[in-house]
Amino acid sequence: MKISDKFNISKIYPYIQDLNQHLGREVELIVKVESKRLQISKDQKKFLLLTFSDRTGSVRAVDWYNAENNDSFIKTGDVVLVKGKVVYFEDRLQINISKEPESVSKLEEGEFPSERFVEKTEKDIDSLFAEAMKLISTIKDRDLLNLTRTIFLSLEKEIKHSPAGMRVHHAYIGGLLEHSLTVAKIADYVSKFYIVNRDLLISGALLHDIGKVKEYRITPTGINVTTEGELKGHIIIGIEIVKKFAERLKLKADKIIELQHIIASHHGEMELGSPVLPKTPEAMIIHFIENMDSKIARFMDIIKKSDDNKEWSEYDRNLGRRIFLRNSTKGD
């Protein structure tokens, strides 16, 4: 198949996480252009330095042969079918794009499978939603029960579809629901050990990230931040959502202020995006649990996508460390 024939549905295209299995060989990849930069080498030769990505990771690529043409032909954000050799350079994998003029071919929406860029929770989304609704039904405070239930039922489609992030944790369809439910179930358990408002904990856990239904938009090429998400962020959006539904249910502002505080403070620190610090035991509990779940989910994702031959991951910028993979003991 010539690369100009574009995506071949019967062909198996490797994911970026699998490139180590093709070291030294030529491959064809369906990838998204994350960045590109035309540069000049020491011997005054122009080359194009790119970063490609799919839902499994990213990889650097270099075009030595058609640099200027491809620089003008493709844009950041484009999905391309690229042909090149997998090499190891400067301690990491790299794609050296092939010499043929059609080694990079742009793909339009509908010409590539969207699952290459957007993951989906491995759990059953309808079952997760049903479990959340069952937990909501245990809230004894009538106002918090009606508010939480109304928000979930009114935004059911968005809640089931939304991710909880772009890259760091639960960055897939259903990720928001999976994360929020996990936080709520742990919060429910923690409530047995402290004299706290369980109803507020359950409602706060399920709604702490509700603003993400409007912060992110899933497209065939991945997860993007909406204009509203860029300008407000999910914390402000979440507080607004709670306020809007509370007014619809004719709840007084003092009834929901502690719930809004949980949303406002769940990042725990102002440096991390919270406008206020947690100032109630319920807010502190939600902060600790949601922070734990997001970080452990990141650990699990790195381990899941790791090279079976590696004992340690690469340095993860979000966690600020390398991860011990224990792959030498897999299967024991």
Protein backbone atom coordinates (compact mmCIF):
# COMPACT_ATOMS: atom_id res chain seq x y z
CA MET A 1 0.00 0.00 0.00
CA LYS A 2 1.30 3.44 -0.88
CA ILE A 3 1.03 5.92 1.92
CA SER A 4 -0.89 8.23 -0.41
CA ASP A 5 -3.71 5.68 -0.39
CA LYS A 6 -4.31 6.86 3.18
CA PHE A 7 -5.80 4.80 5.98
CA ASN A 8 -6.21 1.10 5.22
CA ILE A 9 -8.84 -0.36 7.55
CA SER A 10 -7.41 -3.88 7.21
CA LYS A 11 -3.87 -2.81 8.15
CA ILE A 12 -2.60 -2.86 11.73
CA TYR A 13 -0.89 0.43 12.58
CA PRO A 14 1.21 0.30 15.76
CA TYR A 15 0.58 2.69 18.63
CA ILE A 16 3.38 4.89 19.93
CA GLN A 17 3.67 2.82 23.11
CA ASP A 18 4.54 -0.21 20.94
CA LEU A 19 7.34 1.42 18.92
CA ASN A 20 10.07 -0.23 20.98
CA GLN A 21 8.97 -3.51 19.37
CA HIS A 22 9.79 -2.06 15.94
CA LEU A 23 13.23 -0.62 16.70
CA GLY A 24 15.34 -0.47 13.54
CA ARG A 25 12.37 -1.11 11.26
CA GLU A 26 10.22 1.09 9.05
CA VAL A 27 6.65 1.63 10.24
CA GLU A 28 3.51 3.49 9.29
CA LEU A 29 1.73 5.39 12.05
CA ILE A 30 -1.51 7.31 12.40
CA VAL A 31 -0.62 10.20 14.70
CA LYS A 32 -1.54 13.74 15.65
CA VAL A 33 0.94 16.57 15.09
CA GLU A 34 1.51 18.12 18.53
CA SER A 35 4.31 20.48 17.48
CA LYS A 36 6.62 21.22 14.58
CA ARG A 37 9.64 23.44 14.12
CA LEU A 38 11.77 24.05 11.02
CA GLN A 39 15.44 24.19 11.99
CA ILE A 40 18.87 24.44 10.41
CA SER A 41 21.67 22.02 11.19
CA LYS A 42 25.33 22.95 11.69
CA ASP A 43 26.01 22.19 8.04
CA GLN A 44 23.17 24.57 7.05
CA LYS A 45 20.73 21.83 6.08
CA LYS A 46 17.08 22.45 6.92
CA PHE A 47 15.21 19.79 8.86
CA LEU A 48 11.76 19.56 10.43
CA LEU A 49 11.52 18.55 14.08
CA LEU A 50 8.08 17.25 15.09
CA THR A 51 6.28 15.74 18.04
CA PHE A 52 3.64 13.14 17.21
CA SER A 53 1.07 11.72 19.63
CA ASP A 54 -1.73 9.21 19.95
CA ARG A 55 -3.70 8.09 23.00
CA THR A 56 -0.77 6.00 24.24
CA GLY A 57 1.95 8.65 24.29
CA SER A 58 4.16 10.91 22.21
CA VAL A 59 7.32 10.53 20.13
CA ARG A 60 9.80 12.85 18.47
CA ALA A 61 10.22 12.73 14.68
CA VAL A 62 12.70 14.26 12.25
CA ASP A 63 12.25 14.97 8.55
CA TRP A 64 15.58 15.46 6.74
CA TYR A 65 14.27 15.09 3.19
CA ASN A 66 11.07 17.09 2.69
CA ALA A 67 11.32 19.49 5.60
CA GLU A 68 10.16 22.73 3.99
CA ASN A 69 7.37 21.11 1.99
CA ASN A 70 5.96 19.26 5.00
CA ASP A 71 6.33 22.31 7.21
CA SER A 72 4.03 24.26 4.88
CA PHE A 73 1.77 21.26 4.20
CA ILE A 74 0.81 20.20 7.73
CA LYS A 75 -0.33 22.19 10.77
CA THR A 76 -0.24 21.56 14.49
CA GLY A 77 -3.33 19.54 15.36
CA ASP A 78 -3.48 17.69 12.03
CA VAL A 79 -3.80 13.92 11.96
CA VAL A 80 -1.31 12.35 9.58
CA LEU A 81 -0.28 8.98 8.24
CA VAL A 82 3.50 8.96 8.50
CA LYS A 83 6.10 6.53 7.26
CA GLY A 84 9.52 6.33 8.89
CA LYS A 85 12.18 4.28 10.63
CA VAL A 86 12.13 3.74 14.39
CA VAL A 87 15.54 4.60 15.87
CA TYR A 88 17.00 5.31 19.29
CA PHE A 89 18.55 8.78 19.58
CA GLU A 90 19.60 10.75 22.67
CA ASP A 91 18.25 8.06 25.01
CA ARG A 92 14.76 7.96 23.53
CA LEU A 93 12.84 6.59 20.59
CA GLN A 94 12.60 8.71 17.46
CA ILE A 95 10.99 8.43 14.02
CA ASN A 96 13.24 9.29 11.09
CA ILE A 97 10.72 10.14 8.37
CA SER A 98 11.34 8.38 5.06
CA LYS A 99 12.69 10.06 1.94
CA GLU A 100 9.62 9.59 -0.29
CA PRO A 101 7.65 12.82 -0.89
CA GLU A 102 4.42 11.14 0.30
CA SER A 103 5.88 9.87 3.56
CA VAL A 104 3.61 12.29 5.40
CA SER A 105 -0.05 12.32 4.34
CA LYS A 106 -2.76 14.39 6.00
CA LEU A 107 -5.93 12.55 7.09
CA GLU A 108 -9.30 14.25 7.29
CA GLU A 109 -11.98 13.51 9.88
CA GLY A 110 -13.61 10.20 8.97
CA GLU A 111 -10.44 8.85 7.36
CA PHE A 112 -9.02 7.49 10.62
CA PRO A 113 -10.42 5.63 13.64
CA SER A 114 -11.08 8.05 16.52
CA GLU A 115 -10.15 5.40 19.10
CA ARG A 116 -6.50 6.03 18.22
CA PHE A 117 -6.77 9.35 20.03
CA VAL A 118 -9.62 8.96 22.52
CA GLU A 119 -9.74 6.18 25.11
CA LYS A 120 -12.84 4.98 26.88
CA THR A 121 -13.18 3.62 30.40
CA GLU A 122 -12.86 -0.14 30.56
CA LYS A 123 -15.80 -0.19 32.96
CA ASP A 124 -19.46 -0.20 31.94
CA ILE A 125 -20.55 3.45 31.92
CA ASP A 126 -24.24 2.72 32.48
CA SER A 127 -23.39 0.57 35.50
CA LEU A 128 -21.17 3.32 36.91
CA PHE A 129 -23.98 5.85 36.53
CA ALA A 130 -26.50 3.50 38.15
CA GLU A 131 -24.11 2.97 41.06
CA ALA A 132 -23.74 6.74 41.46
CA MET A 133 -27.51 7.21 41.47
CA LYS A 134 -27.88 4.48 44.10
CA LEU A 135 -25.32 6.23 46.29
CA ILE A 136 -27.12 9.55 45.79
CA SER A 137 -30.35 7.93 46.99
CA THR A 138 -28.72 7.32 50.39
CA ILE A 139 -28.33 11.07 51.03
CA LYS A 140 -30.73 11.89 53.88
CA ASP A 141 -30.67 15.67 53.59
CA ARG A 142 -33.64 16.33 51.30
CA ASP A 143 -32.14 19.45 49.68
CA LEU A 144 -28.75 17.89 48.97
CA LEU A 145 -30.47 14.76 47.70
CA ASN A 146 -32.67 16.68 45.25
CA LEU A 147 -29.83 18.94 44.13
CA THR A 148 -27.33 16.15 43.47
CA ARG A 149 -29.91 13.89 41.83
CA THR A 150 -31.25 16.70 39.62
CA ILE A 151 -27.77 17.67 38.43
CA PHE A 152 -26.87 14.07 37.62
CA LEU A 153 -30.11 13.37 35.76
CA SER A 154 -30.04 16.68 33.88
CA LEU A 155 -26.40 16.25 32.83
CA GLU A 156 -26.44 12.46 32.48
CA LYS A 157 -25.17 12.40 28.89
CA GLU A 158 -22.36 14.85 29.63
CA ILE A 159 -21.35 13.11 32.87
CA LYS A 160 -21.15 9.72 31.14
CA HIS A 161 -19.11 11.12 28.25
CA SER A 162 -16.73 13.56 29.93
CA PRO A 163 -13.09 12.89 30.80
CA ALA A 164 -11.61 13.99 34.12
CA GLY A 165 -8.55 15.48 32.44
CA MET A 166 -6.67 15.88 29.17
CA ARG A 167 -3.58 13.82 29.95
CA VAL A 168 -2.80 13.49 33.65
CA HIS A 169 -5.54 11.21 35.02
CA HIS A 170 -8.79 9.59 33.85
CA ALA A 171 -8.24 11.23 30.45
CA TYR A 172 -10.83 9.21 28.57
CA ILE A 173 -14.55 8.94 27.87
CA GLY A 174 -16.25 8.13 31.17
CA GLY A 175 -13.23 9.26 33.17
CA LEU A 176 -15.12 11.95 35.07
CA LEU A 177 -17.82 9.54 36.23
CA GLU A 178 -15.30 6.85 37.14
CA HIS A 179 -13.17 9.29 39.16
CA SER A 180 -16.10 11.01 40.90
CA LEU A 181 -17.70 7.71 41.89
CA THR A 182 -14.42 6.36 43.29
CA VAL A 183 -13.96 9.52 45.35
CA ALA A 184 -17.56 9.24 46.62
CA LYS A 185 -17.22 5.58 47.61
CA ILE A 186 -14.01 6.23 49.51
CA ALA A 187 -15.55 9.31 51.16
CA ASP A 188 -18.50 7.20 52.24
CA TYR A 189 -16.12 4.75 53.91
CA VAL A 190 -14.08 7.52 55.55
CA SER A 191 -17.28 9.03 57.01
CA LYS A 192 -17.52 6.01 59.33
CA PHE A 193 -14.37 7.11 61.18
CA TYR A 194 -15.06 10.82 61.76
CA ILE A 195 -17.93 12.96 63.01
CA VAL A 196 -18.63 14.66 59.69
CA ASN A 197 -21.60 15.43 57.47
CA ARG A 198 -21.85 12.29 55.32
CA ASP A 199 -24.51 13.79 53.04
CA LEU A 200 -22.25 16.73 52.28
CA LEU A 201 -19.33 14.37 51.65
CA ILE A 202 -21.26 12.27 49.13
CA SER A 203 -22.68 15.27 47.32
CA GLY A 204 -19.32 17.06 47.34
CA ALA A 205 -17.47 14.00 46.08
CA LEU A 206 -19.84 13.45 43.17
CA LEU A 207 -19.95 17.14 42.22
CA HIS A 208 -16.40 18.34 42.97
CA ASP A 209 -15.39 18.08 39.30
CA ILE A 210 -18.80 18.65 37.70
CA GLY A 211 -17.48 21.73 35.90
CA LYS A 212 -15.45 19.43 33.67
CA VAL A 213 -18.60 18.59 31.68
CA LYS A 214 -18.18 22.07 30.19
CA GLU A 215 -14.40 22.42 30.49
CA TYR A 216 -13.54 19.65 28.04
CA ARG A 217 -14.77 18.63 24.61
CA ILE A 218 -14.00 15.25 23.06
CA THR A 219 -13.27 15.34 19.33
CA PRO A 220 -12.10 12.62 16.92
CA THR A 221 -8.51 13.81 17.47
CA GLY A 222 -8.58 13.85 21.26
CA ILE A 223 -9.62 15.89 24.27
CA ASN A 224 -9.67 19.67 23.88
CA VAL A 225 -10.36 22.48 26.32
CA THR A 226 -13.43 24.55 25.48
CA THR A 227 -13.35 28.33 25.33
CA GLU A 228 -15.39 28.42 28.56
CA GLY A 229 -12.96 25.98 30.13
CA GLU A 230 -9.97 28.11 29.16
CA LEU A 231 -11.52 31.34 30.42
CA LYS A 232 -13.12 30.07 33.64
CA GLY A 233 -11.77 26.63 34.56
CA HIS A 234 -13.80 23.76 35.95
CA ILE A 235 -13.87 25.06 39.54
CA ILE A 236 -15.73 28.26 38.66
CA ILE A 237 -17.93 26.41 36.17
CA GLY A 238 -18.79 23.81 38.82
CA ILE A 239 -19.78 26.45 41.37
CA GLU A 240 -21.98 28.08 38.72
CA ILE A 241 -23.66 24.77 37.86
CA VAL A 242 -24.51 24.12 41.51
CA LYS A 243 -25.82 27.69 41.89
CA LYS A 244 -28.00 27.42 38.79
CA PHE A 245 -29.63 24.15 39.84
CA ALA A 246 -30.01 25.29 43.44
CA GLU A 247 -31.90 28.37 42.25
CA ARG A 248 -34.06 26.18 40.05
CA LEU A 249 -34.93 24.10 43.11
CA LYS A 250 -35.42 27.29 45.18
CA LEU A 251 -32.68 26.39 47.66
CA LYS A 252 -31.26 29.19 49.79
CA ALA A 253 -27.64 30.23 49.26
CA ASP A 254 -26.64 29.27 52.80
CA LYS A 255 -27.81 25.71 52.10
CA ILE A 256 -25.25 25.14 49.37
CA ILE A 257 -22.32 27.31 50.46
CA GLU A 258 -20.40 24.41 52.05
CA LEU A 259 -20.95 22.30 48.94
CA GLN A 260 -19.59 25.14 46.80
CA HIS A 261 -16.65 25.42 49.20
CA ILE A 262 -15.78 21.77 48.56
CA ILE A 263 -15.72 22.48 44.82
CA ALA A 264 -13.70 25.67 45.30
CA SER A 265 -11.07 24.08 47.56
CA HIS A 266 -10.67 20.53 46.28
CA HIS A 267 -7.24 21.18 44.72
CA GLY A 268 -6.06 21.88 48.25
CA GLU A 269 -3.63 24.72 47.53
CA MET A 270 -3.97 28.10 45.85
CA GLU A 271 -0.82 27.31 43.86
CA LEU A 272 -2.65 24.31 42.41
CA GLY A 273 -5.69 26.29 41.29
CA SER A 274 -7.99 26.44 44.30
CA PRO A 275 -9.17 29.99 45.08
CA VAL A 276 -9.43 29.03 48.77
CA LEU A 277 -7.93 26.42 51.07
CA PRO A 278 -10.13 23.63 52.49
CA LYS A 279 -11.69 25.10 55.63
CA THR A 280 -14.13 22.38 56.66
CA PRO A 281 -13.39 18.75 57.52
CA GLU A 282 -15.55 17.62 54.58
CA ALA A 283 -13.60 19.83 52.17
CA MET A 284 -10.27 18.54 53.51
CA ILE A 285 -11.41 14.93 53.17
CA ILE A 286 -12.54 15.42 49.56
CA HIS A 287 -9.26 17.15 48.73
CA PHE A 288 -7.17 14.29 50.11
CA ILE A 289 -9.26 11.56 48.48
CA GLU A 290 -9.52 13.15 45.04
CA ASN A 291 -5.80 13.96 45.09
CA MET A 292 -5.01 10.36 46.01
CA ASP A 293 -7.28 8.92 43.33
CA SER A 294 -5.88 11.16 40.60
CA LYS A 295 -2.28 10.33 41.48
CA ILE A 296 -2.84 6.59 41.90
CA ALA A 297 -4.70 6.55 38.58
CA ARG A 298 -1.63 8.18 37.03
CA PHE A 299 0.61 5.53 38.58
CA MET A 300 -1.62 2.75 37.25
CA ASP A 301 -1.76 4.25 33.75
CA ILE A 302 2.04 4.52 33.55
CA ILE A 303 2.46 0.94 34.75
CA LYS A 304 -0.21 -0.34 32.35
CA LYS A 305 1.45 1.32 29.34
CA SER A 306 5.01 0.49 30.35
CA ASP A 307 7.54 -1.50 28.37
CA ASP A 308 7.60 -5.07 29.71
CA ASN A 309 11.40 -5.00 29.59
CA LYS A 310 11.77 -1.93 31.79
CA GLU A 311 12.05 -1.82 35.56
CA TRP A 312 11.59 1.96 35.82
CA SER A 313 9.43 4.43 33.90
CA GLU A 314 10.69 7.64 32.36
CA TYR A 315 10.55 10.71 34.62
CA ASP A 316 6.92 11.81 34.91
CA ARG A 317 6.60 15.59 35.05
CA ASN A 318 3.16 15.52 36.67
CA LEU A 319 4.17 13.20 39.49
CA GLY A 320 7.67 14.62 39.75
CA ARG A 321 9.34 11.20 39.81
CA ARG A 322 10.06 7.94 38.02
CA ILE A 323 7.82 4.96 38.76
CA PHE A 324 9.04 1.55 39.85
CA LEU A 325 7.36 -0.74 37.32
CA ARG A 326 8.27 -4.11 38.85
CA ASN A 327 8.07 -5.59 35.36
CA SER A 328 10.88 -7.98 36.25
CA THR A 329 8.36 -9.71 38.55
CA LYS A 330 5.31 -9.62 36.25
CA GLY A 331 3.51 -12.91 36.18
CA ASP A 332 4.97 -14.11 39.48
